[in-house]
Amino acid sequence: MTDKPEDTDQIANEITEAARVARETAERAEGTPQPGEGKKWPLTKIGIGIGSAALAAAVIYAARSRNKR
């Protein structure tokens, strides 16, 4: 068994159908974000916040050990 179209009308219908499916797929995908276009994390602000918290914890820990003497 071969999968050959029988005439030019059938070939044209298959091409038209493939084009319609491709167009519908593109229309459905319109407006959706592409991979890698997500919201960016504010890494600088997070890093400063973590660094400040670590520094504050170190100062509190150091002051705590001095008060026990």
C-alpha atoms as a PDB file:
ATOM      1  CA  MET A   1       0.000   0.000   0.000  1.00  0.00           C
ATOM      2  CA  THR A   2       1.242   3.392  -0.896  1.00  0.00           C
ATOM      3  CA  ASP A   3       0.181   6.702   0.543  1.00  0.00           C
ATOM      4  CA  LYS A   4       0.064   8.646  -2.719  1.00  0.00           C
ATOM      5  CA  PRO A   5      -2.669  11.196  -3.346  1.00  0.00           C
ATOM      6  CA  GLU A   6      -4.919  10.297  -6.238  1.00  0.00           C
ATOM      7  CA  ASP A   7      -5.255  13.658  -7.949  1.00  0.00           C
ATOM      8  CA  THR A   8      -4.247  17.320  -7.774  1.00  0.00           C
ATOM      9  CA  ASP A   9      -7.446  18.312  -5.940  1.00  0.00           C
ATOM     10  CA  GLN A  10      -6.565  15.995  -3.088  1.00  0.00           C
ATOM     11  CA  ILE A  11      -3.005  17.418  -2.976  1.00  0.00           C
ATOM     12  CA  ALA A  12      -4.385  20.966  -2.884  1.00  0.00           C
ATOM     13  CA  ASN A  13      -6.795  20.026  -0.070  1.00  0.00           C
ATOM     14  CA  GLU A  14      -3.978  18.528   2.003  1.00  0.00           C
ATOM     15  CA  ILE A  15      -1.824  21.632   1.511  1.00  0.00           C
ATOM     16  CA  THR A  16      -4.748  23.915   2.373  1.00  0.00           C
ATOM     17  CA  GLU A  17      -5.512  21.870   5.498  1.00  0.00           C
ATOM     18  CA  ALA A  18      -1.874  21.988   6.646  1.00  0.00           C
ATOM     19  CA  ALA A  19      -1.764  25.755   6.130  1.00  0.00           C
ATOM     20  CA  ARG A  20      -5.038  26.198   8.062  1.00  0.00           C
ATOM     21  CA  VAL A  21      -3.746  24.117  10.975  1.00  0.00           C
ATOM     22  CA  ALA A  22      -0.469  26.083  11.053  1.00  0.00           C
ATOM     23  CA  ARG A  23      -2.339  29.412  11.009  1.00  0.00           C
ATOM     24  CA  GLU A  24      -4.700  28.321  13.821  1.00  0.00           C
ATOM     25  CA  THR A  25      -1.766  27.144  15.914  1.00  0.00           C
ATOM     26  CA  ALA A  26       0.021  30.465  15.433  1.00  0.00           C
ATOM     27  CA  GLU A  27      -3.139  32.385  16.370  1.00  0.00           C
ATOM     28  CA  ARG A  28      -3.583  30.358  19.558  1.00  0.00           C
ATOM     29  CA  ALA A  29       0.048  30.921  20.517  1.00  0.00           C
ATOM     30  CA  GLU A  30      -0.179  34.672  19.920  1.00  0.00           C
ATOM     31  CA  GLY A  31       0.306  36.629  23.137  1.00  0.00           C
ATOM     32  CA  THR A  32       1.808  33.773  25.137  1.00  0.00           C
ATOM     33  CA  PRO A  33       5.269  34.426  26.535  1.00  0.00           C
ATOM     34  CA  GLN A  34       8.195  32.686  24.905  1.00  0.00           C
ATOM     35  CA  PRO A  35      10.532  30.580  27.072  1.00  0.00           C
ATOM     36  CA  GLY A  36      13.049  32.824  28.774  1.00  0.00           C
ATOM     37  CA  GLU A  37      10.801  35.880  28.701  1.00  0.00           C
ATOM     38  CA  GLY A  38       9.484  35.327  32.221  1.00  0.00           C
ATOM     39  CA  LYS A  39       9.605  37.800  35.058  1.00  0.00           C
ATOM     40  CA  LYS A  40      13.153  38.485  36.125  1.00  0.00           C
ATOM     41  CA  TRP A  41      14.004  38.202  39.809  1.00  0.00           C
ATOM     42  CA  PRO A  42      15.477  41.339  41.389  1.00  0.00           C
ATOM     43  CA  LEU A  43      18.668  39.523  42.369  1.00  0.00           C
ATOM     44  CA  THR A  44      20.519  42.666  43.450  1.00  0.00           C
ATOM     45  CA  LYS A  45      17.822  43.625  45.944  1.00  0.00           C
ATOM     46  CA  ILE A  46      17.579  40.070  47.234  1.00  0.00           C
ATOM     47  CA  GLY A  47      21.359  39.869  47.622  1.00  0.00           C
ATOM     48  CA  ILE A  48      21.489  43.136  49.543  1.00  0.00           C
ATOM     49  CA  GLY A  49      18.639  41.971  51.782  1.00  0.00           C
ATOM     50  CA  ILE A  50      20.319  38.645  52.542  1.00  0.00           C
ATOM     51  CA  GLY A  51      23.663  40.335  53.127  1.00  0.00           C
ATOM     52  CA  SER A  52      22.096  42.861  55.489  1.00  0.00           C
ATOM     53  CA  ALA A  53      20.323  40.128  57.422  1.00  0.00           C
ATOM     54  CA  ALA A  54      23.549  38.133  57.729  1.00  0.00           C
ATOM     55  CA  LEU A  55      25.437  41.203  58.931  1.00  0.00           C
ATOM     56  CA  ALA A  56      22.727  42.018  61.485  1.00  0.00           C
ATOM     57  CA  ALA A  57      22.750  38.417  62.734  1.00  0.00           C
ATOM     58  CA  ALA A  58      26.538  38.505  63.126  1.00  0.00           C
ATOM     59  CA  VAL A  59      26.381  41.761  65.121  1.00  0.00           C
ATOM     60  CA  ILE A  60      23.629  40.414  67.386  1.00  0.00           C
ATOM     61  CA  TYR A  61      25.550  37.182  67.933  1.00  0.00           C
ATOM     62  CA  ALA A  62      28.760  39.043  68.740  1.00  0.00           C
ATOM     63  CA  ALA A  63      26.972  41.404  71.151  1.00  0.00           C
ATOM     64  CA  ARG A  64      25.241  38.469  72.848  1.00  0.00           C
ATOM     65  CA  SER A  65      28.517  36.724  73.683  1.00  0.00           C
ATOM     66  CA  ARG A  66      29.967  39.969  75.134  1.00  0.00           C
ATOM     67  CA  ASN A  67      27.043  40.566  77.498  1.00  0.00           C
ATOM     68  CA  LYS A  68      27.469  37.189  79.238  1.00  0.00           C
ATOM     69  CA  ARG A  69      30.868  38.063  80.718  1.00  0.00           C
END
